[in-house]
Amino acid sequence: MDGQIGIFCIICAMAAVTYATRCAPLLVLSGRTLPAPVIRFLSHVPAAVLAALAAPALFLQENHLQLGLENLTLWAGLAALALAIKTRGFFGPVALGMAIVAVGRLF
């Protein structure tokens, strides 16, 4: 029973630290106006996070950099990117990328 109490205390401490790190900026910055350069910088964060998440899936196969014709996900991603730039849409590029991967794996 002693080990379970210790584990419970560790889980509670981890939850408190996670909650504190997520709430601190909200509590500190509430009611304040950020400077324009900070707002401009923060507007680029979602694109940077998306790129950081997508890049390994597009460029790596079996933990090796693959930029050749055999990298189907890279080509599907490039086609989806081109369509997204042209149409500024979301579902069309996703559907195109999925279709390219599905057809490529079929053949």
N, C-alpha and C. Protein backbone atom coordinates (compact mmCIF):
# COMPACT_ATOMS: atom_id res chain seq x y z
N MET A 1 0.82 -1.20 0.00
CA MET A 1 0.00 0.00 0.00
C MET A 1 0.86 1.26 0.00
N ASP A 2 2.04 1.17 0.59
CA ASP A 2 2.94 2.32 0.65
C ASP A 2 3.39 2.76 -0.75
N GLY A 3 3.65 1.78 -1.61
CA GLY A 3 4.08 2.10 -2.97
C GLY A 3 3.00 2.79 -3.77
N GLN A 4 1.75 2.39 -3.54
CA GLN A 4 0.64 3.00 -4.27
C GLN A 4 0.43 4.45 -3.86
N ILE A 5 0.63 4.75 -2.60
CA ILE A 5 0.50 6.13 -2.13
C ILE A 5 1.60 6.99 -2.75
N GLY A 6 2.81 6.44 -2.84
CA GLY A 6 3.91 7.17 -3.46
C GLY A 6 3.64 7.45 -4.92
N ILE A 7 3.12 6.45 -5.62
CA ILE A 7 2.80 6.64 -7.04
C ILE A 7 1.70 7.68 -7.19
N PHE A 8 0.69 7.63 -6.31
CA PHE A 8 -0.39 8.61 -6.36
C PHE A 8 0.15 10.03 -6.12
N CYS A 9 1.07 10.17 -5.18
CA CYS A 9 1.66 11.49 -4.90
C CYS A 9 2.48 11.99 -6.09
N ILE A 10 3.18 11.10 -6.75
CA ILE A 10 3.96 11.47 -7.93
C ILE A 10 3.03 11.94 -9.06
N ILE A 11 1.94 11.21 -9.27
CA ILE A 11 0.98 11.59 -10.31
C ILE A 11 0.37 12.94 -10.00
N CYS A 12 0.02 13.18 -8.72
CA CYS A 12 -0.55 14.48 -8.33
C CYS A 12 0.46 15.60 -8.53
N ALA A 13 1.72 15.35 -8.20
CA ALA A 13 2.75 16.38 -8.38
C ALA A 13 2.96 16.67 -9.87
N MET A 14 2.97 15.64 -10.69
CA MET A 14 3.12 15.85 -12.13
C MET A 14 1.94 16.62 -12.69
N ALA A 15 0.74 16.32 -12.23
CA ALA A 15 -0.44 17.05 -12.68
C ALA A 15 -0.37 18.51 -12.27
N ALA A 16 0.09 18.78 -11.05
CA ALA A 16 0.20 20.16 -10.57
C ALA A 16 1.22 20.94 -11.38
N VAL A 17 2.36 20.33 -11.68
CA VAL A 17 3.38 21.01 -12.48
C VAL A 17 2.87 21.28 -13.89
N THR A 18 2.21 20.31 -14.49
CA THR A 18 1.66 20.50 -15.83
C THR A 18 0.62 21.61 -15.83
N TYR A 19 -0.27 21.60 -14.85
CA TYR A 19 -1.30 22.63 -14.76
C TYR A 19 -0.67 24.01 -14.55
N ALA A 20 0.33 24.08 -13.70
CA ALA A 20 0.97 25.37 -13.40
C ALA A 20 1.67 25.94 -14.63
N THR A 21 2.36 25.09 -15.39
CA THR A 21 3.07 25.60 -16.56
C THR A 21 2.11 26.04 -17.66
N ARG A 22 0.93 25.48 -17.71
CA ARG A 22 -0.04 25.89 -18.72
C ARG A 22 -0.85 27.10 -18.29
N CYS A 23 -1.08 27.25 -17.01
CA CYS A 23 -1.90 28.36 -16.51
C CYS A 23 -1.10 29.63 -16.23
N ALA A 24 0.17 29.49 -15.94
CA ALA A 24 0.98 30.66 -15.58
C ALA A 24 0.94 31.75 -16.65
N PRO A 25 1.16 31.44 -17.92
CA PRO A 25 1.09 32.51 -18.92
C PRO A 25 -0.29 33.15 -19.00
N LEU A 26 -1.34 32.36 -18.84
CA LEU A 26 -2.69 32.92 -18.90
C LEU A 26 -2.93 33.88 -17.73
N LEU A 27 -2.47 33.50 -16.56
CA LEU A 27 -2.68 34.34 -15.39
C LEU A 27 -1.81 35.60 -15.44
N VAL A 28 -0.57 35.45 -15.90
CA VAL A 28 0.35 36.60 -15.92
C VAL A 28 -0.03 37.58 -17.03
N LEU A 29 -0.46 37.06 -18.18
CA LEU A 29 -0.71 37.93 -19.33
C LEU A 29 -2.16 38.38 -19.48
N SER A 30 -3.04 37.91 -18.61
CA SER A 30 -4.45 38.30 -18.76
C SER A 30 -4.61 39.80 -18.48
N GLY A 31 -5.35 40.43 -19.34
CA GLY A 31 -5.60 41.86 -19.18
C GLY A 31 -4.50 42.76 -19.70
N ARG A 32 -3.47 42.18 -20.30
CA ARG A 32 -2.37 42.97 -20.85
C ARG A 32 -2.39 42.89 -22.37
N THR A 33 -1.90 43.92 -22.99
CA THR A 33 -1.76 43.94 -24.44
C THR A 33 -0.29 43.70 -24.78
N LEU A 34 -0.08 42.71 -25.62
CA LEU A 34 1.30 42.39 -26.02
C LEU A 34 1.77 43.36 -27.10
N PRO A 35 3.06 43.64 -27.14
CA PRO A 35 3.59 44.50 -28.21
C PRO A 35 3.42 43.85 -29.58
N ALA A 36 3.34 44.67 -30.60
CA ALA A 36 3.12 44.18 -31.97
C ALA A 36 4.17 43.18 -32.43
N PRO A 37 5.48 43.37 -32.13
CA PRO A 37 6.45 42.36 -32.57
C PRO A 37 6.23 40.99 -31.92
N VAL A 38 5.78 40.98 -30.68
CA VAL A 38 5.52 39.71 -30.00
C VAL A 38 4.32 39.02 -30.64
N ILE A 39 3.29 39.77 -30.94
CA ILE A 39 2.11 39.20 -31.60
C ILE A 39 2.48 38.67 -32.98
N ARG A 40 3.30 39.41 -33.71
CA ARG A 40 3.74 38.96 -35.03
C ARG A 40 4.55 37.67 -34.90
N PHE A 41 5.44 37.61 -33.90
CA PHE A 41 6.24 36.40 -33.67
C PHE A 41 5.34 35.22 -33.33
N LEU A 42 4.39 35.43 -32.44
CA LEU A 42 3.52 34.34 -32.02
C LEU A 42 2.60 33.86 -33.13
N SER A 43 2.34 34.71 -34.11
CA SER A 43 1.48 34.28 -35.22
C SER A 43 2.16 33.22 -36.09
N HIS A 44 3.48 33.12 -36.00
CA HIS A 44 4.21 32.12 -36.80
C HIS A 44 4.37 30.78 -36.07
N VAL A 45 4.02 30.72 -34.81
CA VAL A 45 4.22 29.50 -34.03
C VAL A 45 3.41 28.32 -34.57
N PRO A 46 2.12 28.45 -34.91
CA PRO A 46 1.39 27.28 -35.41
C PRO A 46 2.01 26.67 -36.67
N ALA A 47 2.45 27.50 -37.60
CA ALA A 47 3.07 26.97 -38.82
C ALA A 47 4.38 26.27 -38.50
N ALA A 48 5.16 26.82 -37.57
CA ALA A 48 6.43 26.19 -37.20
C ALA A 48 6.20 24.85 -36.51
N VAL A 49 5.20 24.78 -35.65
CA VAL A 49 4.90 23.52 -34.98
C VAL A 49 4.42 22.48 -35.98
N LEU A 50 3.55 22.88 -36.90
CA LEU A 50 3.07 21.95 -37.92
C LEU A 50 4.21 21.44 -38.79
N ALA A 51 5.12 22.33 -39.17
CA ALA A 51 6.27 21.91 -39.97
C ALA A 51 7.16 20.95 -39.20
N ALA A 52 7.36 21.22 -37.92
CA ALA A 52 8.20 20.34 -37.10
C ALA A 52 7.57 18.97 -36.93
N LEU A 53 6.25 18.90 -36.90
CA LEU A 53 5.58 17.61 -36.79
C LEU A 53 5.53 16.86 -38.12
N ALA A 54 5.38 17.60 -39.21
CA ALA A 54 5.22 16.95 -40.51
C ALA A 54 6.53 16.56 -41.16
N ALA A 55 7.60 17.30 -40.91
CA ALA A 55 8.88 17.05 -41.59
C ALA A 55 9.40 15.63 -41.40
N PRO A 56 9.44 15.08 -40.19
CA PRO A 56 9.94 13.71 -40.09
C PRO A 56 9.09 12.70 -40.84
N ALA A 57 7.78 12.91 -40.84
CA ALA A 57 6.91 11.97 -41.56
C ALA A 57 7.13 12.05 -43.07
N LEU A 58 7.46 13.23 -43.57
CA LEU A 58 7.65 13.39 -45.00
C LEU A 58 9.03 12.97 -45.48
N PHE A 59 10.05 13.29 -44.72
CA PHE A 59 11.42 13.12 -45.20
C PHE A 59 12.11 11.84 -44.73
N LEU A 60 11.62 11.21 -43.69
CA LEU A 60 12.29 10.03 -43.14
C LEU A 60 11.51 8.76 -43.45
N GLN A 61 12.23 7.74 -43.83
CA GLN A 61 11.69 6.40 -43.96
C GLN A 61 12.66 5.45 -43.29
N GLU A 62 12.17 4.70 -42.32
CA GLU A 62 13.00 3.78 -41.54
C GLU A 62 14.20 4.51 -40.94
N ASN A 63 13.94 5.71 -40.42
CA ASN A 63 14.94 6.55 -39.75
C ASN A 63 16.09 6.98 -40.65
N HIS A 64 15.87 7.00 -41.94
CA HIS A 64 16.87 7.47 -42.88
C HIS A 64 16.24 8.53 -43.79
N LEU A 65 17.01 9.53 -44.12
CA LEU A 65 16.55 10.59 -45.01
C LEU A 65 16.33 10.03 -46.40
N GLN A 66 15.12 10.19 -46.92
CA GLN A 66 14.77 9.69 -48.25
C GLN A 66 14.17 10.84 -49.05
N LEU A 67 14.87 11.30 -50.06
CA LEU A 67 14.39 12.39 -50.90
C LEU A 67 14.15 11.96 -52.33
N GLY A 68 14.22 10.67 -52.60
CA GLY A 68 14.10 10.18 -53.97
C GLY A 68 12.67 9.88 -54.37
N LEU A 69 12.54 9.28 -55.53
CA LEU A 69 11.23 8.94 -56.08
C LEU A 69 10.51 7.88 -55.27
N GLU A 70 11.23 7.09 -54.50
CA GLU A 70 10.60 6.01 -53.74
C GLU A 70 9.87 6.51 -52.49
N ASN A 71 10.05 7.76 -52.13
CA ASN A 71 9.40 8.32 -50.94
C ASN A 71 8.02 8.84 -51.34
N LEU A 72 7.03 7.97 -51.22
CA LEU A 72 5.67 8.29 -51.64
C LEU A 72 5.06 9.39 -50.79
N THR A 73 5.31 9.38 -49.49
CA THR A 73 4.71 10.40 -48.62
C THR A 73 5.25 11.80 -48.93
N LEU A 74 6.50 11.88 -49.33
CA LEU A 74 7.06 13.18 -49.70
C LEU A 74 6.35 13.75 -50.91
N TRP A 75 6.13 12.93 -51.93
CA TRP A 75 5.47 13.40 -53.14
C TRP A 75 4.01 13.75 -52.87
N ALA A 76 3.35 12.95 -52.02
CA ALA A 76 1.97 13.27 -51.65
C ALA A 76 1.92 14.58 -50.87
N GLY A 77 2.88 14.78 -50.00
CA GLY A 77 2.94 16.02 -49.22
C GLY A 77 3.21 17.23 -50.09
N LEU A 78 4.08 17.09 -51.08
CA LEU A 78 4.36 18.20 -51.99
C LEU A 78 3.14 18.55 -52.85
N ALA A 79 2.43 17.52 -53.30
CA ALA A 79 1.21 17.77 -54.08
C ALA A 79 0.15 18.44 -53.22
N ALA A 80 0.00 17.97 -51.98
CA ALA A 80 -0.97 18.58 -51.07
C ALA A 80 -0.58 20.02 -50.75
N LEU A 81 0.72 20.28 -50.58
CA LEU A 81 1.18 21.64 -50.32
C LEU A 81 0.87 22.55 -51.49
N ALA A 82 1.11 22.08 -52.70
CA ALA A 82 0.82 22.89 -53.88
C ALA A 82 -0.66 23.21 -53.98
N LEU A 83 -1.51 22.23 -53.71
CA LEU A 83 -2.95 22.47 -53.76
C LEU A 83 -3.39 23.41 -52.63
N ALA A 84 -2.79 23.26 -51.46
CA ALA A 84 -3.14 24.14 -50.34
C ALA A 84 -2.75 25.58 -50.62
N ILE A 85 -1.60 25.78 -51.25
CA ILE A 85 -1.18 27.14 -51.60
C ILE A 85 -2.12 27.73 -52.64
N LYS A 86 -2.54 26.90 -53.60
CA LYS A 86 -3.40 27.40 -54.67
C LYS A 86 -4.81 27.70 -54.18
N THR A 87 -5.39 26.81 -53.38
CA THR A 87 -6.79 26.94 -53.01
C THR A 87 -7.00 27.54 -51.62
N ARG A 88 -5.96 27.57 -50.80
CA ARG A 88 -6.08 28.04 -49.41
C ARG A 88 -7.10 27.22 -48.63
N GLY A 89 -7.32 25.99 -49.07
CA GLY A 89 -8.28 25.11 -48.41
C GLY A 89 -7.57 24.10 -47.52
N PHE A 90 -8.36 23.28 -46.84
CA PHE A 90 -7.81 22.26 -45.96
C PHE A 90 -8.18 20.86 -46.43
N PHE A 91 -9.45 20.63 -46.67
CA PHE A 91 -9.91 19.27 -46.96
C PHE A 91 -9.45 18.78 -48.33
N GLY A 92 -9.38 19.65 -49.30
CA GLY A 92 -8.89 19.24 -50.62
C GLY A 92 -7.46 18.72 -50.59
N PRO A 93 -6.51 19.47 -50.01
CA PRO A 93 -5.15 18.96 -49.92
C PRO A 93 -5.02 17.66 -49.12
N VAL A 94 -5.78 17.56 -48.04
CA VAL A 94 -5.74 16.33 -47.25
C VAL A 94 -6.25 15.16 -48.08
N ALA A 95 -7.36 15.36 -48.77
CA ALA A 95 -7.91 14.29 -49.61
C ALA A 95 -6.95 13.93 -50.74
N LEU A 96 -6.33 14.93 -51.34
CA LEU A 96 -5.37 14.67 -52.42
C LEU A 96 -4.18 13.87 -51.90
N GLY A 97 -3.62 14.27 -50.78
CA GLY A 97 -2.49 13.53 -50.21
C GLY A 97 -2.84 12.10 -49.87
N MET A 98 -4.02 11.91 -49.28
CA MET A 98 -4.46 10.55 -48.96
C MET A 98 -4.67 9.72 -50.21
N ALA A 99 -5.23 10.33 -51.24
CA ALA A 99 -5.47 9.60 -52.49
C ALA A 99 -4.16 9.21 -53.16
N ILE A 100 -3.20 10.11 -53.15
CA ILE A 100 -1.90 9.79 -53.77
C ILE A 100 -1.23 8.63 -53.04
N VAL A 101 -1.25 8.67 -51.72
CA VAL A 101 -0.64 7.58 -50.94
C VAL A 101 -1.40 6.27 -51.18
N ALA A 102 -2.73 6.33 -51.19
CA ALA A 102 -3.52 5.10 -51.39
C ALA A 102 -3.27 4.49 -52.77
N VAL A 103 -3.28 5.32 -53.80
CA VAL A 103 -3.03 4.81 -55.16
C VAL A 103 -1.59 4.33 -55.29
N GLY A 104 -0.65 5.05 -54.72
CA GLY A 104 0.74 4.63 -54.78
C GLY A 104 1.01 3.32 -54.09
N ARG A 105 0.35 3.09 -52.97
CA ARG A 105 0.52 1.81 -52.26
C ARG A 105 -0.20 0.68 -52.96
N LEU A 106 -1.26 1.02 -53.69
CA LEU A 106 -2.00 0.00 -54.42
C LEU A 106 -1.15 -0.55 -55.55
N PHE A 107 -0.40 0.34 -56.20
CA PHE A 107 0.46 -0.08 -57.32
C PHE A 107 1.83 -0.20 -56.81
